[in-house]
Amino acid sequence: MKKLVMVCIVLSFCSGLMAATLPISVGDTVNAKLNTTDWVMVNPKVGGIEVNLNGTTIGYDTPGLEDDAVWAGCYLLDVENMVTAYKSFCMDVALDPATSYSSHTAYAVSSAMEQMWGTYYDGVVNDAPKAAAFQLALWEMVHETGAYDLGAGNFYLEALNTNSPNNNGATLTGLIGQAETYLDSSLWTAQADLVLLDDGTHQPFIAEIPEPATLVLLGLGSLTLLRRRRA
């Protein structure tokens, strides 16, 4: 997976009720792309990561990646007319995200991902090693067919260049241990409402959406504002 490949996304919306959520439902279509403002596309992140996917190493020997190898962390997503630089996480280590707007369909996300996100999201999005470990845990969920193990299997963390300018204090054993903690379902204590935004070609992103009750409240609030304006 290339530097542009791993994508994370968290949102800061103006409305308090919409904090960390997007008004999207399963089946909706939205235009989305990786935020490329000043080319700060991933924040926070850990660089210098080398992974192995189905026997193929993605990292130092991959053209264009060199010493900084793969980035993992919060990639910044723009959803047209909704939000910019929304922090979230991506689904496929082997794909690059769209850097210009393309049409993404919203799909359902597994309950396991929703529980892991709901339990840990708030605590990882401002910490580089934790954000990277959370991204690695999501890739493990997607790419691994057996027991979760960030040190072996269909997908695993192969090496870490601690001399990367974007290392941000991460260690190989630390990333593996933290990711495997996130994957331990016995520790999950909450559940978020998520959708997967996928255009069928580029990197798919996960976004958090409001619960149905919140959507109703938002609708009533808009109606009240409309009535006041008419008055």
Protein backbone atom coordinates (compact mmCIF):
# COMPACT_ATOMS: atom_id res chain seq x y z
CA MET A 1 0.00 0.00 0.00
CA LYS A 2 1.30 3.37 -0.96
CA LYS A 3 1.64 6.50 1.10
CA LEU A 4 -1.70 7.73 -0.20
CA VAL A 5 -3.26 4.37 0.41
CA MET A 6 -4.20 4.39 4.07
CA VAL A 7 -6.95 6.62 4.98
CA CYS A 8 -8.41 7.81 8.22
CA ILE A 9 -11.09 10.25 8.89
CA VAL A 10 -12.61 12.06 11.94
CA LEU A 11 -15.00 14.91 11.67
CA SER A 12 -15.40 18.23 13.39
CA PHE A 13 -18.81 19.55 12.42
CA CYS A 14 -20.16 22.97 13.41
CA SER A 15 -23.31 21.62 15.05
CA GLY A 16 -22.88 20.02 18.47
CA LEU A 17 -25.39 17.30 17.60
CA MET A 18 -23.37 16.45 14.50
CA ALA A 19 -20.00 16.19 16.23
CA ALA A 20 -17.98 13.29 14.78
CA THR A 21 -20.81 12.22 12.49
CA LEU A 22 -21.92 12.73 8.89
CA PRO A 23 -25.57 12.92 7.74
CA ILE A 24 -25.31 9.88 5.44
CA SER A 25 -27.37 6.69 5.32
CA VAL A 26 -26.72 3.28 3.78
CA GLY A 27 -27.49 3.50 0.06
CA ASP A 28 -26.75 7.22 -0.22
CA THR A 29 -24.31 8.50 -2.85
CA VAL A 30 -21.85 11.29 -2.05
CA ASN A 31 -18.83 12.82 -3.74
CA ALA A 32 -15.70 12.29 -1.67
CA LYS A 33 -11.93 12.50 -2.02
CA LEU A 34 -8.74 12.57 0.00
CA ASN A 35 -8.06 16.05 1.34
CA THR A 36 -4.94 17.35 -0.41
CA THR A 37 -4.80 20.88 1.01
CA ASP A 38 -1.09 21.66 1.38
CA TRP A 39 -0.64 17.89 0.88
CA VAL A 40 -1.20 17.24 4.57
CA MET A 41 -3.26 14.13 3.89
CA VAL A 42 -2.66 12.02 6.99
CA ASN A 43 -2.68 13.45 10.51
CA PRO A 44 -1.70 12.04 12.92
CA LYS A 45 0.33 9.24 11.37
CA VAL A 46 3.30 6.91 11.62
CA GLY A 47 5.53 6.49 8.58
CA GLY A 48 8.17 3.93 7.74
CA ILE A 49 5.76 1.01 8.07
CA GLU A 50 6.31 -2.12 5.98
CA VAL A 51 3.46 -4.63 5.72
CA ASN A 52 2.99 -7.98 4.04
CA LEU A 53 -0.25 -8.76 2.21
CA ASN A 54 -0.74 -12.29 0.89
CA GLY A 55 2.99 -12.85 0.63
CA THR A 56 3.83 -9.52 -1.03
CA THR A 57 5.81 -6.88 0.87
CA ILE A 58 4.53 -3.31 0.63
CA GLY A 59 7.09 -0.86 1.91
CA TYR A 60 10.72 0.03 1.37
CA ASP A 61 11.07 -1.80 -1.94
CA THR A 62 7.81 -0.46 -3.36
CA PRO A 63 8.52 2.21 -6.02
CA GLY A 64 7.82 5.70 -4.69
CA LEU A 65 7.71 4.71 -1.03
CA GLU A 66 11.38 4.30 -0.14
CA ASP A 67 12.49 5.11 3.42
CA ASP A 68 9.14 6.46 4.61
CA ALA A 69 7.44 3.32 3.27
CA VAL A 70 3.75 3.12 4.21
CA TRP A 71 1.82 5.65 6.27
CA ALA A 72 -0.85 4.53 8.74
CA GLY A 73 -3.03 6.86 10.77
CA CYS A 74 -5.90 9.30 10.29
CA TYR A 75 -6.34 10.13 6.65
CA LEU A 76 -8.28 13.29 5.93
CA LEU A 77 -11.43 12.96 3.83
CA ASP A 78 -13.46 15.65 2.08
CA VAL A 79 -17.16 14.97 1.49
CA GLU A 80 -18.53 17.52 -0.95
CA ASN A 81 -20.83 20.13 0.62
CA MET A 82 -20.54 18.41 4.01
CA VAL A 83 -17.08 18.41 5.56
CA THR A 84 -13.36 18.79 4.88
CA ALA A 85 -10.42 17.08 6.56
CA TYR A 86 -12.65 14.51 8.29
CA LYS A 87 -10.46 12.03 10.14
CA SER A 88 -11.23 8.37 9.50
CA PHE A 89 -9.70 5.08 8.56
CA CYS A 90 -9.52 3.16 5.31
CA MET A 91 -10.30 -0.41 4.44
CA ASP A 92 -7.82 -1.70 1.85
CA VAL A 93 -4.06 -1.50 2.35
CA ALA A 94 -3.45 -2.09 -1.36
CA LEU A 95 -5.49 0.77 -2.84
CA ASP A 96 -4.88 4.49 -3.25
CA PRO A 97 -7.66 6.96 -2.34
CA ALA A 98 -9.30 9.30 -4.81
CA THR A 99 -7.57 12.70 -4.89
CA SER A 100 -10.35 14.31 -6.92
CA TYR A 101 -14.07 13.98 -6.18
CA SER A 102 -15.65 10.69 -7.23
CA SER A 103 -19.04 9.18 -6.53
CA HIS A 104 -19.01 7.01 -3.38
CA THR A 105 -21.90 4.77 -2.32
CA ALA A 106 -22.54 4.25 1.40
CA TYR A 107 -22.56 0.58 2.46
CA ALA A 108 -23.16 -1.13 5.80
CA VAL A 109 -20.18 -1.92 8.06
CA SER A 110 -19.67 -5.04 10.16
CA SER A 111 -20.78 -4.98 13.78
CA ALA A 112 -17.22 -5.87 14.87
CA MET A 113 -15.81 -2.75 13.22
CA GLU A 114 -18.57 -0.62 14.71
CA GLN A 115 -17.81 -1.95 18.18
CA MET A 116 -14.05 -1.46 17.88
CA TRP A 117 -14.58 2.06 16.51
CA GLY A 118 -17.13 2.94 19.18
CA THR A 119 -14.79 1.77 21.94
CA TYR A 120 -11.52 3.34 20.81
CA TYR A 121 -12.05 6.04 18.17
CA ASP A 122 -12.04 9.09 20.46
CA GLY A 123 -8.83 7.93 22.12
CA VAL A 124 -6.80 7.29 18.96
CA VAL A 125 -7.44 10.14 16.54
CA ASN A 126 -5.03 12.60 18.18
CA ASP A 127 -2.20 10.16 18.98
CA ALA A 128 0.05 9.03 16.12
CA PRO A 129 1.10 5.54 17.33
CA LYS A 130 -2.46 4.76 18.50
CA ALA A 131 -3.97 6.00 15.23
CA ALA A 132 -1.50 3.88 13.25
CA ALA A 133 -2.23 0.81 15.40
CA PHE A 134 -5.98 1.32 14.96
CA GLN A 135 -5.54 1.50 11.18
CA LEU A 136 -3.45 -1.67 11.24
CA ALA A 137 -6.18 -3.38 13.27
CA LEU A 138 -8.79 -2.45 10.66
CA TRP A 139 -6.61 -3.78 7.83
CA GLU A 140 -6.17 -6.99 9.80
CA MET A 141 -9.96 -7.30 10.04
CA VAL A 142 -10.32 -6.83 6.29
CA HIS A 143 -7.42 -8.91 4.98
CA GLU A 144 -7.01 -11.74 7.51
CA THR A 145 -9.03 -14.95 7.09
CA GLY A 146 -7.77 -16.76 10.19
CA ALA A 147 -7.09 -15.69 13.75
CA TYR A 148 -5.97 -12.10 14.18
CA ASP A 149 -2.19 -11.90 14.39
CA LEU A 150 -0.29 -8.77 13.34
CA GLY A 151 2.93 -10.78 13.25
CA ALA A 152 1.85 -13.48 10.76
CA GLY A 153 -0.90 -14.59 8.38
CA ASN A 154 -2.40 -13.08 5.24
CA PHE A 155 -1.71 -9.58 6.53
CA TYR A 156 0.92 -8.55 9.04
CA LEU A 157 3.32 -5.81 10.05
CA GLU A 158 6.69 -6.86 8.65
CA ALA A 159 9.05 -4.06 9.70
CA LEU A 160 9.23 -0.47 10.90
CA ASN A 161 11.84 2.12 9.96
CA THR A 162 12.28 4.03 13.20
CA ASN A 163 14.45 6.56 11.31
CA SER A 164 11.45 7.67 9.27
CA PRO A 165 10.82 11.43 9.59
CA ASN A 166 7.25 10.47 10.46
CA ASN A 167 8.00 7.75 13.02
CA ASN A 168 6.50 9.85 15.84
CA GLY A 169 7.78 7.59 18.59
CA ALA A 170 6.34 4.29 17.31
CA THR A 171 8.02 0.90 17.74
CA LEU A 172 7.37 -2.34 15.89
CA THR A 173 6.38 -4.30 19.02
CA GLY A 174 4.36 -1.34 20.30
CA LEU A 175 2.27 -1.07 17.12
CA ILE A 176 1.64 -4.83 17.01
CA GLY A 177 0.70 -5.03 20.68
CA GLN A 178 -1.59 -1.99 20.53
CA ALA A 179 -3.34 -3.21 17.36
CA GLU A 180 -3.93 -6.63 18.87
CA THR A 181 -5.40 -4.99 21.98
CA TYR A 182 -7.88 -3.14 19.77
CA LEU A 183 -8.79 -6.44 18.08
CA ASP A 184 -9.63 -8.15 21.40
CA SER A 185 -13.44 -8.23 21.29
CA SER A 186 -13.66 -8.91 25.03
CA LEU A 187 -12.54 -5.31 25.58
CA TRP A 188 -15.16 -3.68 23.34
CA THR A 189 -17.64 -1.65 25.38
CA ALA A 190 -19.48 0.56 22.85
CA GLN A 191 -20.78 0.61 19.29
CA ALA A 192 -20.78 3.38 16.69
CA ASP A 193 -23.03 3.77 13.65
CA LEU A 194 -20.82 3.62 10.58
CA VAL A 195 -20.98 3.51 6.80
CA LEU A 196 -18.37 2.48 4.26
CA LEU A 197 -17.88 5.01 1.45
CA ASP A 198 -16.71 3.19 -1.69
CA ASP A 199 -16.47 4.34 -5.32
CA GLY A 200 -15.52 0.86 -6.55
CA THR A 201 -12.06 1.91 -7.73
CA HIS A 202 -10.21 3.78 -5.01
CA GLN A 203 -9.61 3.38 -1.31
CA PRO A 204 -12.88 2.90 0.66
CA PHE A 205 -13.34 5.02 3.80
CA ILE A 206 -15.33 4.51 7.01
CA ALA A 207 -17.45 7.41 8.29
CA GLU A 208 -19.54 7.76 11.43
CA ILE A 209 -23.21 8.64 10.98
CA PRO A 210 -25.91 9.89 13.38
CA GLU A 211 -28.22 7.45 15.12
CA PRO A 212 -31.82 7.56 13.79
CA ALA A 213 -33.00 9.45 16.88
CA THR A 214 -30.35 12.09 16.28
CA LEU A 215 -31.46 12.47 12.68
CA VAL A 216 -35.03 13.07 13.86
CA LEU A 217 -33.84 15.72 16.32
CA LEU A 218 -31.80 17.39 13.61
CA GLY A 219 -34.83 17.44 11.34
CA LEU A 220 -37.05 18.93 14.05
CA GLY A 221 -34.41 21.55 14.78
CA SER A 222 -34.28 22.57 11.14
CA LEU A 223 -38.07 22.76 11.00
CA THR A 224 -38.13 25.00 14.08
CA LEU A 225 -35.58 27.35 12.52
CA LEU A 226 -37.61 27.46 9.33
CA ARG A 227 -40.76 28.39 11.22
CA ARG A 228 -38.96 31.12 13.11
CA ARG A 229 -37.65 32.60 9.89
CA ARG A 230 -41.12 32.60 8.38
CA ALA A 231 -42.48 34.29 11.46
